C-alpha atoms as a PDB file:
ATOM      1  CA  UNK A   1      14.318   6.277   9.433  1.00  0.00           C
ATOM      2  CA  UNK A   2      12.175   3.087   9.133  1.00  0.00           C
ATOM      3  CA  UNK A   3      14.695  -0.390   9.482  1.00  0.00           C
ATOM      4  CA  UNK A   4      13.295  -3.424   9.549  1.00  0.00           C
ATOM      5  CA  UNK A   5      15.005  -7.308  10.672  1.00  0.00           C
ATOM      6  CA  UNK A   6      16.203  -9.539   8.454  1.00  0.00           C
ATOM      7  CA  UNK A   7      13.066 -12.154   9.487  1.00  0.00           C
ATOM      8  CA  UNK A   8      10.627  -8.979   9.461  1.00  0.00           C
ATOM      9  CA  UNK A   9      11.843  -8.611   5.857  1.00  0.00           C
ATOM     10  CA  UNK A  10      10.104 -11.559   4.462  1.00  0.00           C
ATOM     11  CA  UNK A  11       6.648 -10.740   6.085  1.00  0.00           C
ATOM     12  CA  UNK A  12       7.026  -6.926   4.335  1.00  0.00           C
ATOM     13  CA  UNK A  13       7.093  -8.938   1.221  1.00  0.00           C
ATOM     14  CA  UNK A  14       4.311 -10.772   1.595  1.00  0.00           C
ATOM     15  CA  UNK A  15       1.869  -7.424   2.984  1.00  0.00           C
ATOM     16  CA  UNK A  16       3.314  -5.914  -0.009  1.00  0.00           C
ATOM     17  CA  UNK A  17       2.603  -7.980  -2.225  1.00  0.00           C
ATOM     18  CA  UNK A  18      -1.393  -7.709  -1.105  1.00  0.00           C
ATOM     19  CA  UNK A  19      -1.385  -4.198  -1.059  1.00  0.00           C
ATOM     20  CA  UNK A  20      -0.334  -4.182  -4.863  1.00  0.00           C
ATOM     21  CA  UNK A  21      -3.830  -6.575  -5.605  1.00  0.00           C
ATOM     22  CA  UNK A  22      -5.477  -4.367  -3.479  1.00  0.00           C
ATOM     23  CA  UNK A  23      -4.607  -1.535  -5.604  1.00  0.00           C
ATOM     24  CA  UNK A  24      -5.238  -3.774  -8.720  1.00  0.00           C
ATOM     25  CA  UNK A  25      -8.980  -4.403  -6.970  1.00  0.00           C
ATOM     26  CA  UNK A  26      -9.533  -0.825  -6.506  1.00  0.00           C
ATOM     27  CA  UNK A  27      -8.511   0.504 -10.103  1.00  0.00           C
ATOM     28  CA  UNK A  28     -10.586  -2.432 -11.951  1.00  0.00           C
ATOM     29  CA  UNK A  29     -13.528  -0.758  -9.079  1.00  0.00           C
ATOM     30  CA  UNK A  30     -13.401  -2.473  -5.959  1.00  0.00           C
ATOM     31  CA  UNK A  31     -15.515  -5.559  -5.478  1.00  0.00           C
ATOM     32  CA  UNK A  32     -16.143  -7.836  -2.478  1.00  0.00           C
ATOM     33  CA  UNK A  33     -12.498  -9.554  -3.457  1.00  0.00           C
ATOM     34  CA  UNK A  34     -10.552  -6.885  -1.551  1.00  0.00           C
ATOM     35  CA  UNK A  35     -11.769  -9.017   1.385  1.00  0.00           C
ATOM     36  CA  UNK A  36      -9.451 -12.055   0.975  1.00  0.00           C
ATOM     37  CA  UNK A  37      -6.381  -9.753  -0.279  1.00  0.00           C
ATOM     38  CA  UNK A  38      -6.499  -7.684   2.899  1.00  0.00           C
ATOM     39  CA  UNK A  39      -6.967 -10.436   5.292  1.00  0.00           C
ATOM     40  CA  UNK A  40      -3.664 -11.775   3.611  1.00  0.00           C
ATOM     41  CA  UNK A  41      -1.874  -8.014   4.452  1.00  0.00           C
ATOM     42  CA  UNK A  42      -3.226  -8.244   7.943  1.00  0.00           C
ATOM     43  CA  UNK A  43      -2.357 -11.753   8.535  1.00  0.00           C
ATOM     44  CA  UNK A  44       1.468 -10.778   7.513  1.00  0.00           C
ATOM     45  CA  UNK A  45       1.496  -7.324   9.282  1.00  0.00           C
ATOM     46  CA  UNK A  46       0.566  -9.466  12.573  1.00  0.00           C
ATOM     47  CA  UNK A  47       3.456 -12.057  11.648  1.00  0.00           C
ATOM     48  CA  UNK A  48       5.683  -8.986  11.044  1.00  0.00           C
ATOM     49  CA  UNK A  49       4.908  -7.574  14.674  1.00  0.00           C
ATOM     50  CA  UNK A  50       5.663 -10.857  16.277  1.00  0.00           C
ATOM     51  CA  UNK A  51       9.159 -11.110  14.761  1.00  0.00           C
ATOM     52  CA  UNK A  52      10.208  -7.463  15.053  1.00  0.00           C
ATOM     53  CA  UNK A  53      11.821  -6.098  17.726  1.00  0.00           C
ATOM     54  CA  UNK A  54      10.480  -3.005  18.992  1.00  0.00           C
ATOM     55  CA  UNK A  55      11.477   0.283  17.340  1.00  0.00           C
ATOM     56  CA  UNK A  56      10.093   1.779  13.533  1.00  0.00           C
ATOM     57  CA  UNK A  57       9.630  -1.295  11.867  1.00  0.00           C
ATOM     58  CA  UNK A  58       7.451  -2.528  14.429  1.00  0.00           C
ATOM     59  CA  UNK A  59       5.018   1.117  13.957  1.00  0.00           C
ATOM     60  CA  UNK A  60       5.205   0.694  10.324  1.00  0.00           C
ATOM     61  CA  UNK A  61       3.786  -3.267  10.823  1.00  0.00           C
ATOM     62  CA  UNK A  62       1.221  -1.935  13.617  1.00  0.00           C
ATOM     63  CA  UNK A  63       0.022   0.948  11.022  1.00  0.00           C
ATOM     64  CA  UNK A  64      -0.595  -1.582   8.567  1.00  0.00           C
ATOM     65  CA  UNK A  65      -2.119  -3.510  10.750  1.00  0.00           C
ATOM     66  CA  UNK A  66      -4.635  -0.910  11.645  1.00  0.00           C
ATOM     67  CA  UNK A  67      -5.224   0.553   8.546  1.00  0.00           C
ATOM     68  CA  UNK A  68      -5.483  -3.341   6.813  1.00  0.00           C
ATOM     69  CA  UNK A  69      -8.254  -3.699   9.249  1.00  0.00           C
ATOM     70  CA  UNK A  70     -10.037  -0.795   8.513  1.00  0.00           C
ATOM     71  CA  UNK A  71      -9.552  -1.623   4.801  1.00  0.00           C
ATOM     72  CA  UNK A  72     -11.307  -5.097   5.624  1.00  0.00           C
ATOM     73  CA  UNK A  73     -14.339  -3.432   7.144  1.00  0.00           C
ATOM     74  CA  UNK A  74     -14.866  -0.209   4.850  1.00  0.00           C
ATOM     75  CA  UNK A  75     -18.485   0.401   3.682  1.00  0.00           C
ATOM     76  CA  UNK A  76     -18.380   1.606   0.581  1.00  0.00           C
ATOM     77  CA  UNK A  77     -16.136   2.960  -2.175  1.00  0.00           C
ATOM     78  CA  UNK A  78     -15.100   6.519  -0.241  1.00  0.00           C
ATOM     79  CA  UNK A  79     -14.216   4.455   3.072  1.00  0.00           C
ATOM     80  CA  UNK A  80     -12.140   1.787   1.209  1.00  0.00           C
ATOM     81  CA  UNK A  81     -10.402   4.647  -0.512  1.00  0.00           C
ATOM     82  CA  UNK A  82      -9.714   6.554   2.631  1.00  0.00           C
ATOM     83  CA  UNK A  83      -8.189   3.419   4.487  1.00  0.00           C
ATOM     84  CA  UNK A  84      -6.320   2.240   1.173  1.00  0.00           C
ATOM     85  CA  UNK A  85      -4.333   5.927   1.221  1.00  0.00           C
ATOM     86  CA  UNK A  86      -3.741   5.177   4.681  1.00  0.00           C
ATOM     87  CA  UNK A  87      -1.765   1.958   3.821  1.00  0.00           C
ATOM     88  CA  UNK A  88      -0.140   3.565   0.695  1.00  0.00           C
ATOM     89  CA  UNK A  89       0.939   6.018   3.136  1.00  0.00           C
ATOM     90  CA  UNK A  90       2.026   3.543   5.767  1.00  0.00           C
ATOM     91  CA  UNK A  91       4.570   1.721   3.429  1.00  0.00           C
ATOM     92  CA  UNK A  92       5.640   4.966   1.246  1.00  0.00           C
ATOM     93  CA  UNK A  93       7.272   5.884   4.605  1.00  0.00           C
ATOM     94  CA  UNK A  94       9.304   2.887   3.805  1.00  0.00           C
ATOM     95  CA  UNK A  95      10.027   3.818   0.501  1.00  0.00           C
ATOM     96  CA  UNK A  96      11.007   7.442   1.431  1.00  0.00           C
ATOM     97  CA  UNK A  97      13.671   5.827   3.876  1.00  0.00           C
ATOM     98  CA  UNK A  98      15.038   3.269   1.247  1.00  0.00           C
ATOM     99  CA  UNK A  99      14.395   4.276  -2.090  1.00  0.00           C
ATOM    100  CA  UNK A 100      16.637   1.571  -3.544  1.00  0.00           C
ATOM    101  CA  UNK A 101      14.304  -0.798  -2.348  1.00  0.00           C
ATOM    102  CA  UNK A 102      11.606   1.038  -5.293  1.00  0.00           C
ATOM    103  CA  UNK A 103      13.642  -0.212  -7.508  1.00  0.00           C
ATOM    104  CA  UNK A 104      14.538  -3.737  -5.887  1.00  0.00           C
ATOM    105  CA  UNK A 105      10.616  -3.968  -6.047  1.00  0.00           C
ATOM    106  CA  UNK A 106      10.175  -2.429  -8.803  1.00  0.00           C
ATOM    107  CA  UNK A 107       7.900  -0.134  -8.300  1.00  0.00           C
ATOM    108  CA  UNK A 108       7.524   3.243  -8.530  1.00  0.00           C
ATOM    109  CA  UNK A 109       5.390   6.370  -6.125  1.00  0.00           C
ATOM    110  CA  UNK A 110       2.430   8.239  -8.093  1.00  0.00           C
ATOM    111  CA  UNK A 111       0.582  11.115  -7.182  1.00  0.00           C
ATOM    112  CA  UNK A 112      -2.498  12.629  -8.446  1.00  0.00           C
ATOM    113  CA  UNK A 113      -3.691  15.843  -8.502  1.00  0.00           C
ATOM    114  CA  UNK A 114      -5.767  15.911  -5.364  1.00  0.00           C
ATOM    115  CA  UNK A 115      -2.299  14.909  -3.546  1.00  0.00           C
ATOM    116  CA  UNK A 116      -3.125  10.952  -2.998  1.00  0.00           C
ATOM    117  CA  UNK A 117       0.015   8.566  -3.318  1.00  0.00           C
ATOM    118  CA  UNK A 118       0.163   4.928  -4.072  1.00  0.00           C
ATOM    119  CA  UNK A 119       2.436   2.538  -5.123  1.00  0.00           C
ATOM    120  CA  UNK A 120       2.105   0.701  -8.110  1.00  0.00           C
ATOM    121  CA  UNK A 121       4.399  -1.962 -10.363  1.00  0.00           C
ATOM    122  CA  UNK A 122       6.821   0.048 -12.814  1.00  0.00           C
ATOM    123  CA  UNK A 123       5.991  -1.698 -15.539  1.00  0.00           C
ATOM    124  CA  UNK A 124       1.899  -1.002 -15.301  1.00  0.00           C
ATOM    125  CA  UNK A 125       0.393   1.952 -17.096  1.00  0.00           C
ATOM    126  CA  UNK A 126      -0.269   4.307 -14.113  1.00  0.00           C
ATOM    127  CA  UNK A 127      -3.251   4.430 -13.257  1.00  0.00           C
ATOM    128  CA  UNK A 128      -5.175   5.968  -9.821  1.00  0.00           C
ATOM    129  CA  UNK A 129      -7.024   3.479  -7.701  1.00  0.00           C
ATOM    130  CA  UNK A 130      -8.870   7.254  -5.523  1.00  0.00           C
ATOM    131  CA  UNK A 131     -10.601   7.887  -9.302  1.00  0.00           C
ATOM    132  CA  UNK A 132     -14.499   7.257  -9.295  1.00  0.00           C
ATOM    133  CA  UNK A 133     -13.999   8.434 -12.856  1.00  0.00           C
ATOM    134  CA  UNK A 134     -10.800   6.904 -14.822  1.00  0.00           C
ATOM    135  CA  UNK A 135     -11.030  10.594 -17.341  1.00  0.00           C
ATOM    136  CA  UNK A 136     -11.686  13.301 -15.454  1.00  0.00           C
ATOM    137  CA  UNK A 137     -10.397  12.763 -12.156  1.00  0.00           C
ATOM    138  CA  UNK A 138      -6.862  12.179 -12.637  1.00  0.00           C
ATOM    139  CA  UNK A 139      -5.340  14.058 -15.598  1.00  0.00           C
ATOM    140  CA  UNK A 140      -2.342  14.813 -14.346  1.00  0.00           C
ATOM    141  CA  UNK A 141      -0.554  11.806 -12.595  1.00  0.00           C
ATOM    142  CA  UNK A 142       3.014  12.543 -11.647  1.00  0.00           C
ATOM    143  CA  UNK A 143       5.971   9.437 -11.060  1.00  0.00           C
ATOM    144  CA  UNK A 144       8.298   9.028  -8.872  1.00  0.00           C
ATOM    145  CA  UNK A 145      11.122   6.906 -10.260  1.00  0.00           C
ATOM    146  CA  UNK A 146      14.380   6.324  -8.151  1.00  0.00           C
END
């Protein structure tokens, strides 16, 4: 079970907001604008590591930091997808421990037929950020709502 100190939760929320912007960029086809948003995610993860005491929360924030740096340095769409997949797993591990936080943050977990998972706002139409052709790659997407 992943736990966060209250003072770290603010940084987690900032990282989560950056994650949602990154998701939007990837759904729209990626691009150079991702780098600025990824830096916000990295900065929030660094601050979370500084405020979190040793344990599962610090490990999660460290993981978000490391894969955020991979995403920042990713060259090409496949490398972006691989790094985003790892960031998604880090966030989903937290929400697996605290599914009520999905409701609080108005998020849903989605999974495509290729096994990739991601978080997205409940109010948004479901779209796979990993699909290269939106009409062929992800004909089946499962939404997990709590």
